[in-house]
Protein backbone atom coordinates (compact mmCIF):
# COMPACT_ATOMS: atom_id res chain seq x y z
CA UNK A 1 -0.03 0.10 0.17
CA UNK A 2 3.42 2.10 -0.48
CA UNK A 3 4.37 2.29 3.38
CA UNK A 4 6.84 0.79 5.26
CA UNK A 5 4.85 0.75 8.64
CA UNK A 6 3.20 -2.51 10.41
CA UNK A 7 0.12 -3.78 9.68
CA UNK A 8 -2.55 -5.15 11.47
CA UNK A 9 -5.76 -6.75 10.73
CA UNK A 10 -7.90 -10.14 10.75
CA UNK A 11 -8.87 -12.34 8.18
CA UNK A 12 -12.40 -11.82 9.30
CA UNK A 13 -12.75 -8.00 9.43
CA UNK A 14 -9.12 -7.12 6.54
CA UNK A 15 -10.86 -4.67 4.71
CA UNK A 16 -12.28 -3.00 7.38
CA UNK A 17 -8.95 -2.91 10.02
CA UNK A 18 -7.19 -1.49 6.35
CA UNK A 19 -9.67 0.95 5.57
CA UNK A 20 -7.47 3.54 5.49
CA UNK A 21 -5.57 2.44 3.07
CA UNK A 22 -7.78 0.91 0.42
CA UNK A 23 -11.00 2.72 1.29
CA UNK A 24 -9.75 5.85 -1.81
CA UNK A 25 -9.08 2.85 -3.89
CA UNK A 26 -11.31 0.95 -6.41
CA UNK A 27 -12.59 -2.18 -6.33
CA UNK A 28 -9.86 -2.98 -10.02
CA UNK A 29 -7.20 -1.79 -8.48
CA UNK A 30 -7.38 -4.11 -4.76
CA UNK A 31 -5.90 -7.92 -5.68
CA UNK A 32 -7.99 -9.68 -3.20
CA UNK A 33 -7.75 -13.05 -2.53
CA UNK A 34 -10.85 -15.27 -3.17
CA UNK A 35 -11.56 -19.33 -3.81
CA UNK A 36 -11.93 -21.55 -5.93
CA UNK A 37 -14.97 -23.35 -7.23
CA UNK A 38 -16.15 -22.11 -3.94
CA UNK A 39 -19.02 -24.03 -2.39
CA UNK A 40 -17.20 -27.58 -4.16
CA UNK A 41 -16.63 -29.17 -0.70
CA UNK A 42 -19.68 -31.26 -0.90
CA UNK A 43 -21.03 -32.46 -4.07
CA UNK A 44 -23.55 -35.63 -3.46
CA UNK A 45 -26.34 -35.34 -5.98
CA UNK A 46 -25.59 -36.95 -9.13
CA UNK A 47 -23.59 -35.51 -12.55
CA UNK A 48 -23.95 -32.64 -13.29
CA UNK A 49 -25.31 -30.85 -16.77
CA UNK A 50 -23.00 -31.09 -19.62
CA UNK A 51 -20.55 -33.84 -18.04
CA UNK A 52 -19.79 -37.40 -19.43
CA UNK A 53 -22.71 -39.65 -18.08
CA UNK A 54 -19.76 -41.78 -17.56
CA UNK A 55 -18.70 -40.51 -14.62
CA UNK A 56 -21.94 -41.69 -12.48
CA UNK A 57 -19.74 -44.85 -12.77
CA UNK A 58 -17.33 -43.66 -10.80
CA UNK A 59 -18.59 -41.10 -8.75
CA UNK A 60 -15.68 -41.28 -5.63
CA UNK A 61 -12.77 -40.81 -8.07
CA UNK A 62 -15.12 -37.65 -9.69
CA UNK A 63 -15.45 -36.58 -6.15
CA UNK A 64 -11.69 -36.07 -5.89
CA UNK A 65 -10.71 -33.84 -8.44
CA UNK A 66 -14.56 -31.53 -8.49
CA UNK A 67 -14.01 -30.84 -4.63
CA UNK A 68 -11.64 -28.21 -4.92
CA UNK A 69 -12.73 -27.16 -1.13
CA UNK A 70 -13.03 -28.74 2.17
CA UNK A 71 -14.82 -26.08 4.09
CA UNK A 72 -17.57 -23.81 3.53
CA UNK A 73 -18.27 -20.48 2.05
CA UNK A 74 -19.04 -18.96 5.36
CA UNK A 75 -15.24 -20.15 6.31
CA UNK A 76 -13.20 -18.67 3.38
CA UNK A 77 -14.90 -15.87 4.42
CA UNK A 78 -13.94 -16.62 7.88
CA UNK A 79 -10.68 -17.35 6.28
CA UNK A 80 -9.54 -13.77 4.65
CA UNK A 81 -11.59 -15.30 1.15
CA UNK A 82 -13.62 -11.90 -0.36
CA UNK A 83 -13.92 -13.16 -4.27
CA UNK A 84 -16.27 -16.33 -4.64
CA UNK A 85 -15.83 -18.28 -8.06
CA UNK A 86 -19.57 -20.05 -7.70
CA UNK A 87 -21.00 -22.79 -10.78
CA UNK A 88 -23.68 -23.26 -11.33
CA UNK A 89 -26.38 -24.96 -12.70
CA UNK A 90 -30.02 -25.96 -13.43
CA UNK A 91 -30.55 -29.83 -12.19
CA UNK A 92 -33.59 -31.34 -13.75
CA UNK A 93 -35.99 -32.64 -10.55
CA UNK A 94 -33.70 -29.93 -8.37
CA UNK A 95 -35.46 -26.93 -6.61
CA UNK A 96 -33.72 -23.71 -7.15
CA UNK A 97 -29.61 -22.81 -8.86
CA UNK A 98 -26.51 -26.13 -7.63
CA UNK A 99 -23.81 -25.27 -7.38
CA UNK A 100 -21.80 -27.88 -9.61
CA UNK A 101 -18.34 -29.23 -10.21
CA UNK A 102 -18.44 -32.30 -12.44
CA UNK A 103 -21.43 -33.54 -9.96
CA UNK A 104 -24.25 -31.69 -7.90
CA UNK A 105 -23.61 -29.68 -4.70
CA UNK A 106 -25.93 -28.21 -3.08
CA UNK A 107 -28.41 -24.77 -3.13
CA UNK A 108 -26.48 -21.71 -4.35
CA UNK A 109 -29.54 -20.23 -1.87
CA UNK A 110 -27.13 -21.92 1.08
CA UNK A 111 -24.65 -19.78 -0.46
CA UNK A 112 -25.43 -16.15 -1.06
CA UNK A 113 -27.36 -16.98 3.26
CA UNK A 114 -23.70 -17.99 4.26
CA UNK A 115 -21.86 -14.26 2.85
CA UNK A 116 -25.31 -12.63 4.04
CA UNK A 117 -24.67 -13.98 7.58
CA UNK A 118 -21.31 -12.79 7.21
CA UNK A 119 -21.72 -10.11 6.11
CA UNK A 120 -24.69 -9.17 9.44
CA UNK A 121 -21.36 -9.65 11.35
CA UNK A 122 -18.01 -7.91 9.17
CA UNK A 123 -20.01 -5.23 8.50
CA UNK A 124 -17.77 -3.50 6.71
CA UNK A 125 -15.94 -5.98 4.38
CA UNK A 126 -16.90 -6.41 1.31
CA UNK A 127 -17.41 -9.97 -1.60
CA UNK A 128 -17.23 -10.33 -4.56
CA UNK A 129 -19.52 -13.23 -5.92
CA UNK A 130 -18.08 -14.25 -9.63
CA UNK A 131 -21.09 -16.36 -10.88
CA UNK A 132 -18.66 -17.82 -13.75
CA UNK A 133 -20.51 -19.96 -15.57
CA UNK A 134 -24.13 -21.00 -15.82
CA UNK A 135 -25.29 -24.91 -17.27
CA UNK A 136 -28.82 -25.12 -18.29
CA UNK A 137 -30.07 -22.16 -16.38
CA UNK A 138 -32.98 -19.64 -18.76
CA UNK A 139 -32.53 -15.99 -18.30
CA UNK A 140 -35.51 -15.55 -16.59
CA UNK A 141 -33.53 -18.08 -13.94
CA UNK A 142 -30.34 -15.77 -14.52
CA UNK A 143 -32.86 -12.47 -12.99
CA UNK A 144 -34.51 -14.72 -10.28
CA UNK A 145 -31.23 -15.56 -8.87
CA UNK A 146 -29.85 -11.99 -9.18
CA UNK A 147 -33.59 -11.05 -7.59
CA UNK A 148 -32.63 -13.00 -4.71
CA UNK A 149 -29.11 -11.13 -5.04
CA UNK A 150 -31.11 -8.01 -4.44
CA UNK A 151 -33.59 -9.00 -2.02
CA UNK A 152 -30.47 -10.52 0.36
CA UNK A 153 -27.59 -7.64 -0.04
CA UNK A 154 -30.62 -4.43 -0.25
CA UNK A 155 -29.22 -2.17 -2.48
CA UNK A 156 -27.32 -2.41 -6.21
CA UNK A 157 -26.62 -0.95 -9.31
CA UNK A 158 -24.89 -0.86 -12.65
CA UNK A 159 -21.28 -0.25 -11.93
CA UNK A 160 -17.54 -1.08 -14.02
CA UNK A 161 -15.20 -2.31 -11.47
CA UNK A 162 -12.82 -0.21 -12.26
CA UNK A 163 -15.21 2.80 -10.99
CA UNK A 164 -16.62 1.49 -7.88
CA UNK A 165 -14.29 3.29 -4.90
CA UNK A 166 -13.90 0.78 -2.02
CA UNK A 167 -15.34 3.62 0.32
CA UNK A 168 -18.91 3.60 -1.82
CA UNK A 169 -19.04 -0.27 -0.95
CA UNK A 170 -17.57 0.08 2.58
CA UNK A 171 -19.70 3.07 3.72
CA UNK A 172 -22.78 2.85 1.63
CA UNK A 173 -23.71 -0.15 2.43
CA UNK A 174 -23.48 -1.46 -2.12
CA UNK A 175 -24.16 -4.10 -4.56
CA UNK A 176 -22.78 -3.33 -7.43
CA UNK A 177 -23.50 -5.35 -10.33
CA UNK A 178 -21.54 -5.70 -13.73
CA UNK A 179 -22.93 -7.22 -16.93
CA UNK A 180 -20.46 -10.08 -16.83
CA UNK A 181 -23.34 -11.52 -13.84
CA UNK A 182 -20.85 -10.86 -11.47
CA UNK A 183 -22.09 -9.32 -7.65
CA UNK A 184 -19.54 -7.07 -5.59
CA UNK A 185 -21.64 -7.09 -1.75
CA UNK A 186 -21.92 -5.40 0.86
CA UNK A 187 -23.75 -5.73 4.35
CA UNK A 188 -27.92 -5.22 3.85
CA UNK A 189 -28.91 -1.82 4.79
CA UNK A 190 -33.28 -1.95 4.97
CA UNK A 191 -33.11 2.14 5.06
CA UNK A 192 -31.21 1.94 1.36
CA UNK A 193 -33.78 -0.28 -0.10
CA UNK A 194 -34.92 0.50 -3.84
CA UNK A 195 -32.67 3.20 -4.70
CA UNK A 196 -30.91 1.28 -7.49
CA UNK A 197 -32.64 0.03 -10.46
CA UNK A 198 -32.44 -3.43 -10.85
CA UNK A 199 -29.92 -4.51 -13.96
CA UNK A 200 -30.97 -7.10 -16.43
CA UNK A 201 -28.47 -9.87 -16.23
CA UNK A 202 -26.45 -10.28 -20.01
CA UNK A 203 -27.38 -13.87 -21.42
CA UNK A 204 -24.50 -16.03 -21.29
CA UNK A 205 -23.49 -18.33 -24.33
């Protein structure tokens, strides 16, 4: 950060602890720690859409490389991660969208609720939810997912990450969504509900 003095911070609250150093920077300027294939710690509900059906014959082998994480998303956040990489799918016979990576995991809503719980306890932290891939997910389902994000995190705007200053996110309880279906979320703030227009998600190829 351009300073020689020792910085002290907790992994659970590092953004708030370093607010004097990072609040004047844009989100685009920060190197944010994150986890890959977040939510893949529990994969137990069959083969994911788009994957070879032969996976069903050797689930123990497939699970060995599909489960990229051993901790839930909440523990990632407590450990300092602020970028959450999510692969989602609509799975026949399963309600809502699911986390997937080779195999099918838990509901996306479970992950969103873990993020919401973390932010409720860490009010100056900012979390980036990057919905990297959608498998067999319709535009209407993408819109419904965005609606869940807005309901949980209260406010949103279509602002490119290079124009989002950390002080805006840390002090104004904002959630920003870029056109690549990446959501940057902060703690809920009921008084700010419905203050921003709801952006439409960009259809994914």
